[in-house]
Amino acid sequence: MEIFSPEPLPPKAFTDPAAAVDYVAEIYDRSTGFIRSHLNRLGQGVVPPGRVRAFYPQAEVTSTSYGRTDSTLPYGYLHTPGIYRTTLTAPVLFRKYLLENFAIILRNHGGTIEIKESATPIPVHFAVTPNERLDGAAINALNVPLRDLFDTPDLAFTDDEIANGTFIPPQGGPYPLAAFTAPRIDYSLFRLSHYSGTDAEHFQNFVIFTNYHFYIDEFRRVAHEHMAQGHPEYDSFVEPGNVVTRNVRLGGGRTGTEPPRLPQMPAYHLTMPNSRGITMVNIGVGPSNAKTITDHIAVLRPHAWLMLGHCAGLRNSQELGDYVLAHAYVREDHVLDADLPLSVPIPALAEIQVALEQAVADVTQLHGLETKRIMRTGTVASFDNRNWELRDQREITQRLSQSRAVALDMESATIAANGFRFRVPYGTLLCVSDKPLHGELKLPGMASEFYQTQVNQHLLIGLRAMEILRDQPPERLHSRKLRSFAETAFQ
């Protein structure tokens, strides 16, 4: 079948980051608009005259020197002389991100940024926005497979080889400019909407994950208070269904419709300008969910993510309600074994650790050695077996003791390991909710009181930690510990 494409736009070279991003948007809008127009006409019974194909925009830069720069940022470098390129998508969503990365590369290396059409087709599914509605019945009635008329997602363009460090570029390039290709990003943007119940545009740069909805209830209460009381920094609160409550400082009001049922991993967003607010996601129980949602949020390039949840305390000296600040992880979750070998250490990040310790002191008003009464720093073991207590206790207790673990859960190591893999600063602060090795389980009445008294304080600590991290400059937050030998230039 003949290929039917829009007239190609010429390549252009830029020294102005804003002009470069504008041209990215021009190519992207023209390409996606071309695909959508033919898809809509197909719903009206008009079959395209050929196979409809349009392409992602592409950014390309060239380095001619091994010269070093004086920048303190851990990204923005072209590591080897040669050509670097990446495909781009969603320029409205990523405008600020692209502006910053283009500017840093031009400042560090000079030259120009060339923007042109790539050779990667845009799948029809990714040309349509998540909220766009098509006449699916009419299209199905034509009995013409979409794959015969449009490009569909190709897994060859959506893997994580670059992020995993297993991609081997040809000698002299082209080298990858970013960790994620445009199709990989689009795949995650659509998955985010499905799993979280909110559009990607609402996600903020500071993300908290939890494994209990009690934390979400408290986050919602705090967020609605902020909106009603005119909080000076947060502009709105977004809930599943893209239900938006605006700050009374900005006129108030509420838009959107609550969904009939919550999505699998509902997300809630306390927004600020430039996405500097806080997103909270209830990932539920288990490492599979933890990997799934962090796989997708990672393409948004957040500045930090934290795990706040409950855990089993493994030391007799711990009390129910004590906190555990993870400084190491035993990875028995297994969901990332194929992407990140178990031999790879997951280091604690000083910037995150200090922020969490300071947040505990700020919220509890305990300082110095006094915090040791309620918080231990130590190794957290994450298992993929929720009923680990039913196994041979001699074997599992010995391994936990050898690892020096002080707490056990099912998600923290996964979130930390995926943060390491995707270069997203990570941390963990857990709350001891039971001590199964010591026979201390919560009775129903005890559980209710525990959740009422501890969840609020724990959440406030998490929010305070994010505020501390938000005030830090990028070169402190994005640790060089997360960068490999031949790293992509984009953050």
Protein backbone atom coordinates (compact mmCIF):
# COMPACT_ATOMS: atom_id res chain seq x y z
CA MET A 1 0.00 0.00 0.00
CA GLU A 2 1.23 3.48 -0.84
CA ILE A 3 2.51 5.59 2.08
CA PHE A 4 0.47 8.76 2.60
CA SER A 5 2.33 11.43 4.62
CA PRO A 6 2.25 15.20 5.08
CA GLU A 7 4.75 17.35 3.22
CA PRO A 8 8.03 17.13 5.20
CA LEU A 9 9.22 20.17 7.12
CA PRO A 10 12.88 21.16 6.61
CA PRO A 11 15.55 20.62 9.28
CA LYS A 12 16.47 23.77 11.19
CA ALA A 13 19.41 24.60 13.47
CA PHE A 14 18.93 26.72 16.59
CA THR A 15 21.01 28.52 19.19
CA ASP A 16 17.86 29.73 20.98
CA PRO A 17 16.29 26.97 23.14
CA ALA A 18 12.80 28.56 22.99
CA ALA A 19 12.85 28.71 19.19
CA ALA A 20 14.02 25.07 19.08
CA VAL A 21 11.14 23.94 21.31
CA ASP A 22 8.68 25.95 19.22
CA TYR A 23 9.80 24.09 16.11
CA VAL A 24 9.51 20.76 17.94
CA ALA A 25 5.89 21.70 18.70
CA GLU A 26 5.27 22.72 15.08
CA ILE A 27 6.46 19.36 13.74
CA TYR A 28 4.64 17.41 16.45
CA ASP A 29 1.33 19.25 16.04
CA ARG A 30 1.45 18.92 12.26
CA SER A 31 2.23 15.17 12.46
CA THR A 32 -0.34 14.24 15.11
CA GLY A 33 -2.96 16.49 13.51
CA PHE A 34 -2.45 14.72 10.18
CA ILE A 35 -3.01 11.30 11.78
CA ARG A 36 -6.02 12.43 13.83
CA SER A 37 -7.73 14.06 10.87
CA HIS A 38 -7.60 10.83 8.86
CA LEU A 39 -8.70 8.80 11.87
CA ASN A 40 -11.71 11.08 12.36
CA ARG A 41 -12.56 10.91 8.65
CA LEU A 42 -12.33 7.13 8.88
CA GLY A 43 -15.06 7.32 11.51
CA GLN A 44 -17.16 9.11 8.89
CA GLY A 45 -16.57 6.30 6.39
CA VAL A 46 -13.73 7.92 4.42
CA VAL A 47 -10.90 5.40 4.02
CA PRO A 48 -7.45 7.01 3.57
CA PRO A 49 -5.97 6.83 0.04
CA GLY A 50 -2.89 5.06 1.42
CA ARG A 51 -1.16 4.05 4.61
CA VAL A 52 -1.18 7.09 6.88
CA ARG A 53 2.24 7.84 8.33
CA ALA A 54 3.71 10.85 10.13
CA PHE A 55 6.86 11.13 12.20
CA TYR A 56 8.04 12.27 15.62
CA PRO A 57 10.25 15.36 15.82
CA GLN A 58 13.91 14.77 16.61
CA ALA A 59 16.61 16.79 18.34
CA GLU A 60 20.23 16.33 17.30
CA VAL A 61 23.46 17.87 18.59
CA THR A 62 27.11 17.27 17.73
CA SER A 63 30.18 17.33 19.96
CA THR A 64 33.65 17.74 18.48
CA SER A 65 35.71 17.70 21.67
CA TYR A 66 36.38 15.81 24.87
CA GLY A 67 36.70 19.17 26.64
CA ARG A 68 35.31 19.49 30.15
CA THR A 69 33.04 22.24 31.45
CA ASP A 70 32.81 23.98 34.80
CA SER A 71 29.15 23.20 35.40
CA THR A 72 28.30 21.57 38.74
CA LEU A 73 25.25 19.82 37.31
CA PRO A 74 25.51 16.02 36.99
CA TYR A 75 23.86 16.11 33.54
CA GLY A 76 24.09 18.22 30.38
CA TYR A 77 27.31 16.67 29.02
CA LEU A 78 28.08 15.06 25.66
CA HIS A 79 30.54 12.42 26.84
CA THR A 80 32.27 11.60 23.54
CA PRO A 81 32.80 13.48 20.25
CA GLY A 82 30.03 12.49 17.87
CA ILE A 83 26.35 12.89 17.05
CA TYR A 84 23.64 12.69 19.74
CA ARG A 85 19.93 12.48 19.04
CA THR A 86 16.57 11.63 20.52
CA THR A 87 12.98 11.62 19.37
CA LEU A 88 10.59 13.97 21.18
CA THR A 89 6.92 14.01 22.07
CA ALA A 90 4.29 16.03 23.98
CA PRO A 91 6.13 19.39 23.66
CA VAL A 92 3.50 21.26 25.68
CA LEU A 93 3.89 18.90 28.63
CA PHE A 94 7.70 18.84 28.40
CA ARG A 95 8.31 22.45 27.34
CA LYS A 96 10.08 23.55 30.53
CA TYR A 97 12.10 20.33 30.62
CA LEU A 98 13.23 20.74 27.01
CA LEU A 99 14.07 24.43 27.48
CA GLU A 100 16.28 23.66 30.47
CA ASN A 101 18.09 20.75 28.83
CA PHE A 102 18.63 22.53 25.52
CA ALA A 103 19.99 25.57 27.38
CA ILE A 104 22.43 23.51 29.47
CA ILE A 105 23.78 21.63 26.45
CA LEU A 106 24.27 24.83 24.46
CA ARG A 107 25.97 26.47 27.43
CA ASN A 108 28.30 23.51 27.99
CA HIS A 109 29.14 22.67 24.38
CA GLY A 110 28.12 25.57 22.14
CA GLY A 111 27.13 24.79 18.56
CA THR A 112 23.50 24.40 17.57
CA ILE A 113 20.53 22.12 18.22
CA GLU A 114 19.07 20.72 15.02
CA ILE A 115 15.37 19.98 15.01
CA LYS A 116 13.87 17.89 12.23
CA GLU A 117 11.50 15.05 11.49
CA SER A 118 12.78 11.68 12.65
CA ALA A 119 12.43 8.33 10.93
CA THR A 120 10.24 7.01 13.78
CA PRO A 121 6.53 6.87 12.89
CA ILE A 122 3.96 8.07 15.43
CA PRO A 123 1.57 5.22 16.33
CA VAL A 124 -2.08 6.11 15.80
CA HIS A 125 -2.81 5.37 19.48
CA PHE A 126 -0.31 8.03 20.60
CA ALA A 127 -1.59 10.69 18.22
CA VAL A 128 -4.91 10.69 20.10
CA THR A 129 -5.07 12.33 23.53
CA PRO A 130 -6.25 10.14 26.44
CA ASN A 131 -9.48 12.15 26.77
CA GLU A 132 -10.29 12.28 23.05
CA ARG A 133 -13.36 10.29 22.03
CA LEU A 134 -13.66 8.65 18.62
CA ASP A 135 -16.59 6.94 16.93
CA GLY A 136 -15.21 3.47 17.58
CA ALA A 137 -18.41 1.72 16.49
CA ALA A 138 -18.32 3.41 13.09
CA ILE A 139 -14.65 2.55 12.60
CA ASN A 140 -15.25 -1.08 13.56
CA ALA A 141 -18.22 -1.26 11.19
CA LEU A 142 -15.90 -0.59 8.23
CA ASN A 143 -14.23 -3.95 8.90
CA VAL A 144 -10.82 -2.50 7.97
CA PRO A 145 -8.06 -3.29 10.51
CA LEU A 146 -6.44 -0.11 11.81
CA ARG A 147 -3.04 -1.77 11.43
CA ASP A 148 -3.62 -1.83 7.66
CA LEU A 149 -4.04 1.95 7.58
CA PHE A 150 -1.99 3.39 10.47
CA ASP A 151 1.23 2.66 12.33
CA THR A 152 0.76 0.96 15.70
CA PRO A 153 3.13 0.75 18.70
CA ASP A 154 6.36 -1.11 17.95
CA LEU A 155 8.05 -2.59 21.02
CA ALA A 156 11.43 -2.13 19.31
CA PHE A 157 11.12 1.59 20.10
CA THR A 158 9.64 1.29 23.61
CA ASP A 159 12.18 -0.72 25.59
CA ASP A 160 14.42 0.50 28.44
CA GLU A 161 17.81 -0.42 26.98
CA ILE A 162 19.12 3.14 27.30
CA ALA A 163 18.01 3.58 30.91
CA ASN A 164 19.24 0.09 31.80
CA GLY A 165 22.69 0.83 30.38
CA THR A 166 22.53 -2.13 27.98
CA PHE A 167 22.16 -0.14 24.75
CA ILE A 168 25.37 -0.22 22.68
CA PRO A 169 25.52 2.64 20.15
CA PRO A 170 27.63 2.38 16.98
CA GLN A 171 31.16 3.79 17.12
CA GLY A 172 30.96 7.55 16.65
CA GLY A 173 27.23 7.62 17.23
CA PRO A 174 24.51 8.45 16.99
CA TYR A 175 24.52 8.34 20.79
CA PRO A 176 21.27 8.66 22.77
CA LEU A 177 20.57 12.19 23.98
CA ALA A 178 17.86 11.11 26.45
CA ALA A 179 17.05 7.98 28.46
CA PHE A 180 13.62 7.58 26.87
CA THR A 181 12.53 7.61 23.23
CA ALA A 182 9.32 9.38 22.24
CA PRO A 183 7.31 6.14 21.80
CA ARG A 184 8.48 4.94 25.23
CA ILE A 185 7.34 8.23 26.77
CA ASP A 186 3.98 8.11 24.97
CA TYR A 187 3.42 4.56 26.14
CA SER A 188 3.88 5.65 29.76
CA LEU A 189 1.76 8.80 29.41
CA PHE A 190 -1.20 6.69 28.34
CA ARG A 191 -0.55 4.07 31.03
CA LEU A 192 -0.39 6.80 33.69
CA SER A 193 -3.86 7.99 32.82
CA HIS A 194 -5.17 4.43 32.97
CA TYR A 195 -3.58 3.44 36.27
CA SER A 196 -3.82 6.72 38.18
CA GLY A 197 -7.11 8.18 36.95
CA THR A 198 -5.47 11.56 36.25
CA ASP A 199 -3.74 13.00 33.20
CA ALA A 200 0.04 13.23 33.10
CA GLU A 201 -0.07 17.04 33.05
CA HIS A 202 -1.20 17.05 36.70
CA PHE A 203 1.77 15.08 38.07
CA GLN A 204 4.17 17.12 40.17
CA ASN A 205 7.95 16.86 40.47
CA PHE A 206 7.89 15.57 44.05
CA VAL A 207 6.13 12.22 44.41
CA ILE A 208 5.14 10.26 47.51
CA PHE A 209 4.13 6.59 47.24
CA THR A 210 2.16 4.80 49.92
CA ASN A 211 0.80 1.30 50.41
CA TYR A 212 -2.22 2.28 52.52
CA HIS A 213 -5.24 4.39 51.65
CA PHE A 214 -5.23 5.85 55.16
CA TYR A 215 -2.41 8.08 53.97
CA ILE A 216 -4.44 9.20 50.97
CA ASP A 217 -7.39 10.07 53.21
CA GLU A 218 -5.11 12.24 55.33
CA PHE A 219 -3.47 13.80 52.26
CA ARG A 220 -6.90 14.69 50.89
CA ARG A 221 -7.90 16.25 54.21
CA VAL A 222 -4.73 18.35 54.37
CA ALA A 223 -4.98 19.36 50.72
CA HIS A 224 -8.62 20.46 50.96
CA GLU A 225 -7.75 22.48 54.05
CA HIS A 226 -5.01 24.21 52.06
CA MET A 227 -7.46 25.05 49.29
CA ALA A 228 -10.13 26.34 51.69
CA GLN A 229 -7.67 28.39 53.75
CA GLY A 230 -5.90 30.03 50.80
CA HIS A 231 -2.49 28.38 51.11
CA PRO A 232 0.10 30.84 49.75
CA GLU A 233 1.97 28.30 47.56
CA TYR A 234 -0.35 25.54 46.35
CA ASP A 235 -2.73 26.48 43.52
CA SER A 236 -5.05 23.48 43.22
CA PHE A 237 -5.75 19.93 44.30
CA VAL A 238 -6.40 17.31 41.62
CA GLU A 239 -8.07 13.95 42.29
CA PRO A 240 -8.94 10.92 40.12
CA GLY A 241 -11.25 11.81 37.26
CA ASN A 242 -9.21 15.04 36.86
CA VAL A 243 -11.41 16.62 39.54
CA VAL A 244 -9.77 19.99 40.27
CA THR A 245 -10.37 22.04 43.42
CA ARG A 246 -8.87 25.53 43.09
CA ASN A 247 -7.39 27.52 45.93
CA VAL A 248 -9.76 30.21 47.27
CA ARG A 249 -6.80 32.56 46.88
CA LEU A 250 -7.28 32.09 43.13
CA GLY A 251 -11.09 32.24 43.18
CA GLY A 252 -11.88 28.72 44.36
CA GLY A 253 -14.29 26.42 42.57
CA ARG A 254 -14.35 22.77 41.59
CA THR A 255 -14.43 21.15 38.14
CA GLY A 256 -14.50 17.59 36.86
CA THR A 257 -16.49 14.47 37.65
CA GLU A 258 -15.50 11.80 40.12
CA PRO A 259 -15.13 8.37 38.49
CA PRO A 260 -17.65 5.66 39.44
CA ARG A 261 -14.79 3.63 40.93
CA LEU A 262 -11.20 4.36 41.84
CA PRO A 263 -8.46 3.30 39.41
CA GLN A 264 -5.90 0.67 40.30
CA MET A 265 -3.35 3.13 41.69
CA PRO A 266 -5.14 6.45 42.28
CA ALA A 267 -3.03 9.62 42.18
CA TYR A 268 -3.64 12.95 43.93
CA HIS A 269 -1.82 16.18 43.12
CA LEU A 270 -1.24 19.27 45.25
CA THR A 271 -0.10 21.57 42.46
CA MET A 272 2.26 24.52 42.26
CA PRO A 273 3.53 26.52 39.27
CA ASN A 274 6.16 24.68 37.19
CA SER A 275 4.99 21.37 38.70
CA ARG A 276 6.85 22.08 41.96
CA GLY A 277 4.03 20.64 44.08
CA ILE A 278 3.49 17.17 45.54
CA THR A 279 1.87 14.11 43.99
CA MET A 280 0.76 11.18 46.15
CA VAL A 281 -0.04 7.73 44.75
CA ASN A 282 -1.59 4.77 46.52
CA ILE A 283 0.29 1.89 44.92
CA GLY A 284 -1.46 -0.74 47.01
CA VAL A 285 0.41 -3.86 48.11
CA GLY A 286 3.26 -5.52 46.29
CA PRO A 287 6.37 -4.90 44.21
CA SER A 288 4.60 -5.41 40.88
CA ASN A 289 2.48 -2.30 41.37
CA ALA A 290 5.51 -0.40 42.66
CA LYS A 291 7.48 -1.21 39.51
CA THR A 292 4.57 -0.54 37.18
CA ILE A 293 3.81 2.97 38.38
CA THR A 294 7.44 4.07 38.75
CA ASP A 295 8.20 2.76 35.24
CA HIS A 296 5.67 5.28 33.97
CA ILE A 297 6.17 8.25 36.30
CA ALA A 298 9.91 8.14 35.51
CA VAL A 299 9.35 9.51 31.99
CA LEU A 300 8.08 12.75 33.57
CA ARG A 301 11.57 13.21 35.08
CA PRO A 302 10.50 14.02 38.66
CA HIS A 303 13.03 15.55 41.03
CA ALA A 304 12.44 13.06 43.87
CA TRP A 305 10.19 10.26 45.02
CA LEU A 306 9.69 8.81 48.49
CA MET A 307 8.05 5.73 49.95
CA LEU A 308 5.87 6.33 53.02
CA GLY A 309 4.14 3.25 54.32
CA HIS A 310 3.89 0.57 56.95
CA CYS A 311 6.38 -2.18 57.62
CA ALA A 312 7.11 -5.07 59.93
CA GLY A 313 9.63 -4.17 62.63
CA LEU A 314 12.31 -6.83 63.03
CA ARG A 315 13.97 -5.69 66.25
CA ASN A 316 12.63 -6.31 69.73
CA SER A 317 13.70 -2.79 70.72
CA GLN A 318 11.28 -1.23 68.24
CA GLU A 319 7.83 -0.06 69.24
CA LEU A 320 4.67 0.09 67.12
CA GLY A 321 4.65 3.54 65.55
CA ASP A 322 8.44 3.90 65.39
CA TYR A 323 9.96 5.10 62.13
CA VAL A 324 12.55 3.40 59.93
CA LEU A 325 14.75 5.49 57.64
CA ALA A 326 16.16 3.13 55.02
CA HIS A 327 19.86 3.45 54.23
CA ALA A 328 20.15 0.09 52.42
CA TYR A 329 17.84 -2.49 50.85
CA VAL A 330 17.62 -6.27 50.64
CA ARG A 331 16.04 -6.87 47.24
CA GLU A 332 13.87 -9.97 47.38
CA ASP A 333 11.06 -8.38 45.35
CA HIS A 334 12.43 -9.93 42.10
CA VAL A 335 10.46 -7.71 39.69
CA LEU A 336 13.58 -5.82 38.58
CA ASP A 337 16.06 -8.68 38.48
CA ALA A 338 16.12 -8.68 34.65
CA ASP A 339 16.61 -4.90 34.44
CA LEU A 340 18.95 -4.22 37.37
CA PRO A 341 21.18 -7.10 38.52
CA LEU A 342 21.15 -7.90 42.23
CA SER A 343 24.90 -7.27 42.26
CA VAL A 344 24.22 -3.54 41.73
CA PRO A 345 24.14 -1.70 45.09
CA ILE A 346 21.35 0.80 45.73
CA PRO A 347 23.06 3.57 47.72
CA ALA A 348 21.38 5.91 50.16
CA LEU A 349 21.34 9.48 48.82
CA ALA A 350 22.62 11.99 51.34
CA GLU A 351 20.32 14.78 50.13
CA ILE A 352 17.20 12.66 50.68
CA GLN A 353 18.40 11.19 53.98
CA VAL A 354 19.16 14.61 55.45
CA ALA A 355 15.80 15.99 54.33
CA LEU A 356 13.91 13.09 55.93
CA GLU A 357 15.84 13.36 59.19
CA GLN A 358 15.24 17.09 59.33
CA ALA A 359 11.55 16.57 58.57
CA VAL A 360 11.21 14.08 61.44
CA ALA A 361 12.80 16.62 63.80
CA ASP A 362 10.63 19.50 62.51
CA VAL A 363 7.36 17.61 62.86
CA THR A 364 8.03 15.72 66.11
CA GLN A 365 10.03 18.53 67.74
CA LEU A 366 12.63 15.97 68.77
CA HIS A 367 16.24 16.77 67.99
CA GLY A 368 19.64 15.10 68.07
CA LEU A 369 19.76 11.87 70.03
CA GLU A 370 16.13 12.35 71.06
CA THR A 371 15.03 11.26 67.56
CA LYS A 372 16.68 7.88 68.18
CA ARG A 373 13.78 7.13 70.54
CA ILE A 374 11.33 7.01 67.64
CA MET A 375 13.43 6.41 64.50
CA ARG A 376 16.06 3.91 63.45
CA THR A 377 18.26 4.12 60.38
CA GLY A 378 18.93 0.73 58.87
CA THR A 379 18.41 -1.85 56.17
CA VAL A 380 14.91 -2.53 54.81
CA ALA A 381 14.15 -5.91 53.25
CA SER A 382 11.47 -6.03 50.55
CA PHE A 383 9.87 -9.42 49.84
CA ASP A 384 7.47 -10.43 47.07
CA ASN A 385 5.74 -12.91 49.39
CA ARG A 386 3.17 -11.22 51.62
CA ASN A 387 2.89 -14.36 53.75
CA TRP A 388 6.60 -14.73 54.38
CA GLU A 389 5.79 -15.46 58.04
CA LEU A 390 4.42 -18.86 57.00
CA ARG A 391 7.76 -20.09 55.66
CA ASP A 392 10.47 -21.89 57.63
CA GLN A 393 11.30 -19.27 60.25
CA ARG A 394 14.81 -20.58 60.90
CA GLU A 395 15.93 -19.97 57.31
CA ILE A 396 14.27 -16.58 56.82
CA THR A 397 15.19 -15.25 60.27
CA GLN A 398 18.82 -16.16 59.69
CA ARG A 399 18.96 -14.32 56.36
CA LEU A 400 17.26 -11.24 57.79
CA SER A 401 19.66 -11.24 60.72
CA GLN A 402 22.70 -11.58 58.46
CA SER A 403 21.51 -8.60 56.39
CA ARG A 404 21.13 -6.49 59.56
CA ALA A 405 17.60 -5.63 58.40
CA VAL A 406 15.49 -3.62 60.83
CA ALA A 407 12.25 -3.66 58.83
CA LEU A 408 10.47 -5.62 56.13
CA ASP A 409 7.91 -4.55 53.52
CA MET A 410 6.97 -5.33 49.89
CA GLU A 411 7.56 -2.09 47.98
CA SER A 412 10.45 0.05 49.25
CA ALA A 413 13.33 -1.73 47.54
CA THR A 414 11.44 -1.70 44.24
CA ILE A 415 10.84 2.04 44.40
CA ALA A 416 14.45 2.72 45.39
CA ALA A 417 15.87 0.40 42.72
CA ASN A 418 13.73 1.94 40.00
CA GLY A 419 14.76 5.39 41.20
CA PHE A 420 18.39 4.30 40.85
CA ARG A 421 17.70 2.78 37.41
CA PHE A 422 15.90 5.85 36.09
CA ARG A 423 18.12 8.48 37.82
CA VAL A 424 15.31 9.75 40.06
CA PRO A 425 16.43 10.64 43.62
CA TYR A 426 14.69 8.26 46.05
CA GLY A 427 14.20 7.60 49.75
CA THR A 428 12.14 5.60 52.24
CA LEU A 429 10.60 6.37 55.62
CA LEU A 430 8.46 3.57 57.03
CA CYS A 431 6.34 3.23 60.14
CA VAL A 432 6.39 0.01 62.19
CA SER A 433 2.84 -1.33 62.27
CA ASP A 434 3.53 -4.80 63.67
CA LYS A 435 6.35 -7.08 64.87
CA PRO A 436 5.49 -10.57 63.64
CA LEU A 437 8.81 -12.12 64.72
CA HIS A 438 8.00 -11.05 68.28
CA GLY A 439 4.30 -11.90 68.32
CA GLU A 440 3.18 -8.25 68.37
CA LEU A 441 0.20 -7.93 66.05
CA LYS A 442 -2.43 -5.22 66.23
CA LEU A 443 -5.85 -6.11 67.58
CA PRO A 444 -8.81 -4.39 65.84
CA GLY A 445 -9.16 -1.59 68.41
CA MET A 446 -5.43 -1.10 68.62
CA ALA A 447 -5.23 -0.84 64.83
CA SER A 448 -7.83 1.93 64.65
CA GLU A 449 -6.05 4.00 67.29
CA PHE A 450 -2.67 3.37 65.68
CA TYR A 451 -3.81 4.56 62.27
CA GLN A 452 -5.51 7.66 63.67
CA THR A 453 -2.49 8.79 65.66
CA GLN A 454 0.42 7.80 63.42
CA VAL A 455 -0.74 8.36 59.85
CA ASN A 456 -1.18 12.11 60.28
CA GLN A 457 2.30 12.60 61.75
CA HIS A 458 3.93 10.30 59.21
CA LEU A 459 2.29 12.12 56.30
CA LEU A 460 3.27 15.54 57.66
CA ILE A 461 6.87 14.32 57.84
CA GLY A 462 6.71 13.25 54.19
CA LEU A 463 5.23 16.59 53.11
CA ARG A 464 7.83 18.49 55.11
CA ALA A 465 10.65 16.43 53.54
CA MET A 466 9.38 17.33 50.08
CA GLU A 467 9.29 21.01 51.00
CA ILE A 468 12.92 20.78 52.14
CA LEU A 469 13.94 19.03 48.91
CA ARG A 470 12.01 21.55 46.82
CA ASP A 471 14.14 24.37 48.20
CA GLN A 472 17.41 22.74 47.16
CA PRO A 473 19.25 23.67 43.93
CA PRO A 474 19.22 21.02 41.16
CA GLU A 475 22.94 20.29 41.42
CA ARG A 476 22.46 19.13 45.03
CA LEU A 477 19.35 17.07 44.48
CA HIS A 478 20.33 15.18 41.32
CA SER A 479 23.20 13.19 42.73
CA ARG A 480 26.14 12.04 40.62
CA LYS A 481 25.68 8.66 42.32
CA LEU A 482 22.88 8.05 39.82
CA ARG A 483 24.99 8.71 36.72
CA SER A 484 26.90 6.07 34.74
CA PHE A 485 30.07 6.21 32.61
CA ALA A 486 28.53 7.33 29.32
CA GLU A 487 25.43 9.11 30.55
CA THR A 488 22.71 10.74 28.44
CA ALA A 489 22.89 14.52 28.44
CA PHE A 490 19.23 15.09 29.27
CA GLN A 491 18.37 15.04 32.99
